[in-house]
N, C-alpha and C. Protein backbone atom coordinates (compact mmCIF):
# COMPACT_ATOMS: atom_id res chain seq x y z
N MET A 1 3.80 -1.22 -12.84
CA MET A 1 3.35 -2.52 -12.36
C MET A 1 2.34 -2.28 -11.24
N PRO A 2 1.16 -2.90 -11.29
CA PRO A 2 0.19 -2.73 -10.21
C PRO A 2 0.77 -3.13 -8.87
N ALA A 3 0.27 -2.51 -7.80
CA ALA A 3 0.81 -2.73 -6.47
C ALA A 3 0.86 -4.19 -6.07
N MET A 4 -0.23 -4.89 -6.26
CA MET A 4 -0.28 -6.28 -5.84
C MET A 4 0.67 -7.13 -6.68
N SER A 5 0.78 -6.86 -7.97
CA SER A 5 1.68 -7.62 -8.83
C SER A 5 3.12 -7.44 -8.39
N ALA A 6 3.49 -6.20 -8.08
CA ALA A 6 4.86 -5.95 -7.65
C ALA A 6 5.15 -6.65 -6.34
N ALA A 7 4.21 -6.58 -5.41
CA ALA A 7 4.41 -7.25 -4.12
C ALA A 7 4.51 -8.75 -4.30
N CYS A 8 3.68 -9.32 -5.15
CA CYS A 8 3.73 -10.76 -5.41
C CYS A 8 5.03 -11.13 -6.09
N ALA A 9 5.49 -10.31 -7.03
CA ALA A 9 6.74 -10.60 -7.73
C ALA A 9 7.90 -10.60 -6.76
N VAL A 10 7.92 -9.63 -5.84
CA VAL A 10 8.99 -9.57 -4.85
C VAL A 10 8.93 -10.81 -3.97
N ARG A 11 7.74 -11.16 -3.51
CA ARG A 11 7.59 -12.33 -2.65
C ARG A 11 7.98 -13.60 -3.40
N SER A 12 7.55 -13.71 -4.65
CA SER A 12 7.85 -14.89 -5.45
C SER A 12 9.35 -15.03 -5.68
N ASN A 13 10.00 -13.95 -6.05
CA ASN A 13 11.44 -13.99 -6.27
C ASN A 13 12.19 -14.36 -5.00
N ALA A 14 11.73 -13.86 -3.89
CA ALA A 14 12.39 -14.14 -2.62
C ALA A 14 12.24 -15.61 -2.25
N SER A 15 11.06 -16.17 -2.48
CA SER A 15 10.86 -17.56 -2.10
C SER A 15 11.66 -18.48 -3.02
N LEU A 16 11.88 -18.08 -4.26
CA LEU A 16 12.66 -18.90 -5.18
C LEU A 16 14.13 -18.91 -4.81
N SER A 17 14.62 -17.76 -4.40
CA SER A 17 16.04 -17.66 -4.10
C SER A 17 16.34 -17.76 -2.61
N LYS A 18 15.31 -17.84 -1.78
CA LYS A 18 15.46 -17.88 -0.32
C LYS A 18 16.24 -16.67 0.18
N ALA A 19 16.10 -15.57 -0.53
CA ALA A 19 16.81 -14.34 -0.19
C ALA A 19 16.03 -13.55 0.85
N TYR A 20 16.72 -12.67 1.51
CA TYR A 20 16.11 -11.76 2.47
C TYR A 20 15.25 -10.77 1.70
N VAL A 21 14.03 -10.53 2.18
CA VAL A 21 13.14 -9.54 1.57
C VAL A 21 12.92 -8.44 2.60
N PRO A 22 13.27 -7.21 2.26
CA PRO A 22 13.06 -6.09 3.19
C PRO A 22 11.59 -5.94 3.55
N TYR A 23 11.35 -5.47 4.76
CA TYR A 23 10.00 -5.26 5.26
C TYR A 23 9.57 -3.84 4.93
N SER A 24 8.33 -3.70 4.54
CA SER A 24 7.77 -2.38 4.28
C SER A 24 6.39 -2.32 4.91
N SER A 25 6.21 -1.45 5.86
CA SER A 25 4.98 -1.39 6.63
C SER A 25 3.93 -0.48 5.99
N LEU A 26 2.75 -1.04 5.77
CA LEU A 26 1.64 -0.22 5.29
C LEU A 26 1.22 0.75 6.40
N GLU A 27 1.34 0.31 7.63
CA GLU A 27 0.98 1.16 8.77
C GLU A 27 1.79 2.46 8.77
N SER A 28 3.07 2.37 8.44
CA SER A 28 3.89 3.59 8.43
C SER A 28 3.46 4.54 7.32
N VAL A 29 3.03 4.01 6.19
CA VAL A 29 2.54 4.85 5.10
C VAL A 29 1.27 5.56 5.54
N ILE A 30 0.37 4.84 6.17
CA ILE A 30 -0.88 5.44 6.65
C ILE A 30 -0.60 6.48 7.73
N GLU A 31 0.32 6.17 8.62
CA GLU A 31 0.66 7.10 9.70
C GLU A 31 1.17 8.43 9.14
N LEU A 32 1.97 8.36 8.08
CA LEU A 32 2.49 9.59 7.47
C LEU A 32 1.40 10.40 6.76
N ASN A 33 0.30 9.75 6.44
CA ASN A 33 -0.81 10.40 5.74
C ASN A 33 -2.09 10.33 6.56
N LYS A 34 -1.94 10.47 7.85
CA LYS A 34 -3.04 10.29 8.79
C LYS A 34 -4.23 11.21 8.50
N GLU A 35 -3.96 12.46 8.19
CA GLU A 35 -5.06 13.40 7.93
C GLU A 35 -5.88 12.95 6.73
N ALA A 36 -5.21 12.56 5.66
CA ALA A 36 -5.91 12.10 4.45
C ALA A 36 -6.67 10.81 4.74
N TYR A 37 -6.09 9.94 5.57
CA TYR A 37 -6.76 8.69 5.95
C TYR A 37 -8.08 8.99 6.66
N TYR A 38 -8.04 9.84 7.66
CA TYR A 38 -9.26 10.14 8.41
C TYR A 38 -10.28 10.89 7.57
N LEU A 39 -9.83 11.75 6.68
CA LEU A 39 -10.75 12.45 5.79
C LEU A 39 -11.46 11.45 4.89
N ALA A 40 -10.71 10.54 4.27
CA ALA A 40 -11.31 9.54 3.39
C ALA A 40 -12.26 8.64 4.17
N LEU A 41 -11.87 8.27 5.37
CA LEU A 41 -12.71 7.42 6.21
C LEU A 41 -14.03 8.12 6.55
N ARG A 42 -13.94 9.40 6.96
CA ARG A 42 -15.16 10.15 7.30
C ARG A 42 -16.07 10.31 6.08
N GLN A 43 -15.46 10.59 4.93
CA GLN A 43 -16.26 10.76 3.71
C GLN A 43 -17.01 9.47 3.37
N THR A 44 -16.35 8.35 3.51
CA THR A 44 -16.99 7.07 3.20
C THR A 44 -18.01 6.70 4.27
N GLN A 45 -17.65 6.86 5.53
CA GLN A 45 -18.57 6.51 6.62
C GLN A 45 -19.86 7.30 6.55
N GLY A 46 -19.77 8.52 6.06
CA GLY A 46 -20.96 9.36 5.96
C GLY A 46 -21.99 8.83 4.97
N THR A 47 -21.59 7.91 4.13
CA THR A 47 -22.52 7.39 3.11
C THR A 47 -22.85 5.91 3.29
N ILE A 48 -22.27 5.28 4.28
CA ILE A 48 -22.40 3.82 4.44
C ILE A 48 -23.85 3.36 4.55
N ARG A 49 -24.65 4.05 5.31
CA ARG A 49 -26.04 3.62 5.53
C ARG A 49 -27.03 4.28 4.57
N THR A 50 -26.53 4.73 3.45
CA THR A 50 -27.40 5.32 2.44
C THR A 50 -27.68 4.28 1.36
N GLU A 51 -28.56 4.63 0.43
CA GLU A 51 -28.87 3.72 -0.67
C GLU A 51 -27.69 3.55 -1.63
N ALA A 52 -26.82 4.54 -1.67
CA ALA A 52 -25.67 4.48 -2.58
C ALA A 52 -24.39 4.84 -1.81
N PRO A 53 -23.86 3.90 -1.03
CA PRO A 53 -22.63 4.20 -0.28
C PRO A 53 -21.49 4.55 -1.24
N ASN A 54 -20.69 5.52 -0.85
CA ASN A 54 -19.57 5.96 -1.68
C ASN A 54 -18.27 5.43 -1.08
N TRP A 55 -17.77 4.34 -1.64
CA TRP A 55 -16.54 3.72 -1.15
C TRP A 55 -15.30 4.37 -1.75
N GLN A 56 -15.49 5.20 -2.75
CA GLN A 56 -14.36 5.73 -3.51
C GLN A 56 -13.31 6.46 -2.65
N PRO A 57 -13.68 7.37 -1.76
CA PRO A 57 -12.63 8.07 -1.01
C PRO A 57 -11.69 7.13 -0.25
N TRP A 58 -12.27 6.16 0.43
CA TRP A 58 -11.44 5.25 1.21
C TRP A 58 -10.64 4.31 0.30
N LEU A 59 -11.27 3.80 -0.75
CA LEU A 59 -10.56 2.89 -1.66
C LEU A 59 -9.41 3.60 -2.37
N VAL A 60 -9.62 4.82 -2.80
CA VAL A 60 -8.56 5.57 -3.46
C VAL A 60 -7.40 5.79 -2.49
N PHE A 61 -7.72 6.17 -1.25
CA PHE A 61 -6.66 6.36 -0.26
C PHE A 61 -5.89 5.06 -0.05
N PHE A 62 -6.60 3.95 0.13
CA PHE A 62 -5.98 2.67 0.39
C PHE A 62 -5.10 2.23 -0.78
N LEU A 63 -5.59 2.36 -2.00
CA LEU A 63 -4.81 1.96 -3.17
C LEU A 63 -3.58 2.85 -3.36
N ARG A 64 -3.71 4.12 -3.09
CA ARG A 64 -2.54 5.01 -3.17
C ARG A 64 -1.51 4.64 -2.11
N SER A 65 -2.00 4.26 -0.94
CA SER A 65 -1.10 3.84 0.14
C SER A 65 -0.37 2.56 -0.25
N LEU A 66 -1.08 1.62 -0.85
CA LEU A 66 -0.43 0.39 -1.32
C LEU A 66 0.63 0.69 -2.37
N ALA A 67 0.32 1.60 -3.28
CA ALA A 67 1.28 1.97 -4.32
C ALA A 67 2.53 2.59 -3.69
N GLU A 68 2.35 3.42 -2.68
CA GLU A 68 3.50 4.03 -1.99
C GLU A 68 4.30 2.96 -1.26
N GLN A 69 3.63 2.01 -0.66
CA GLN A 69 4.33 0.92 0.02
C GLN A 69 5.17 0.12 -0.98
N VAL A 70 4.63 -0.14 -2.15
CA VAL A 70 5.38 -0.86 -3.19
C VAL A 70 6.59 -0.05 -3.63
N ARG A 71 6.43 1.27 -3.81
CA ARG A 71 7.56 2.12 -4.19
C ARG A 71 8.67 2.04 -3.15
N ARG A 72 8.28 2.09 -1.88
CA ARG A 72 9.28 2.01 -0.80
C ARG A 72 10.00 0.67 -0.82
N LEU A 73 9.25 -0.39 -0.99
CA LEU A 73 9.84 -1.72 -1.01
C LEU A 73 10.76 -1.89 -2.22
N GLU A 74 10.33 -1.36 -3.37
CA GLU A 74 11.18 -1.44 -4.56
C GLU A 74 12.51 -0.71 -4.33
N LYS A 75 12.47 0.45 -3.67
CA LYS A 75 13.70 1.19 -3.36
C LYS A 75 14.60 0.35 -2.47
N LYS A 76 14.01 -0.31 -1.48
CA LYS A 76 14.81 -1.15 -0.58
C LYS A 76 15.44 -2.31 -1.32
N VAL A 77 14.70 -2.91 -2.22
CA VAL A 77 15.20 -4.05 -2.98
C VAL A 77 16.32 -3.60 -3.91
N VAL A 78 16.14 -2.47 -4.59
CA VAL A 78 17.16 -1.95 -5.50
C VAL A 78 18.41 -1.60 -4.70
N SER A 79 18.24 -0.95 -3.55
CA SER A 79 19.40 -0.59 -2.71
C SER A 79 20.14 -1.83 -2.26
N ARG A 80 19.41 -2.85 -1.89
CA ARG A 80 20.02 -4.10 -1.43
C ARG A 80 20.77 -4.78 -2.57
N ASP A 81 20.19 -4.75 -3.77
CA ASP A 81 20.83 -5.38 -4.91
C ASP A 81 22.11 -4.69 -5.33
N ARG A 82 22.24 -3.42 -5.00
CA ARG A 82 23.46 -2.67 -5.35
C ARG A 82 24.62 -3.03 -4.44
N LEU A 83 24.32 -3.63 -3.31
CA LEU A 83 25.38 -3.97 -2.35
C LEU A 83 26.18 -5.10 -2.83
């Protein structure tokens, strides 16, 4: 399931049932991968003022981080449902 779809599904289900939804911080995912974040940022920034800016390094990092955030949130939801 794409990251945004999973996040929306969790939010939608929570609003329907008024249930508690565990928090999952994107900031914590980025913090754990700080070196990769800064590498992707530098690679993209180096091309910003060119005729063909390369957004791929930063976008790939960001999308992978979102996917990891969704995985963490899914684990929290599954753990909560087992209680």
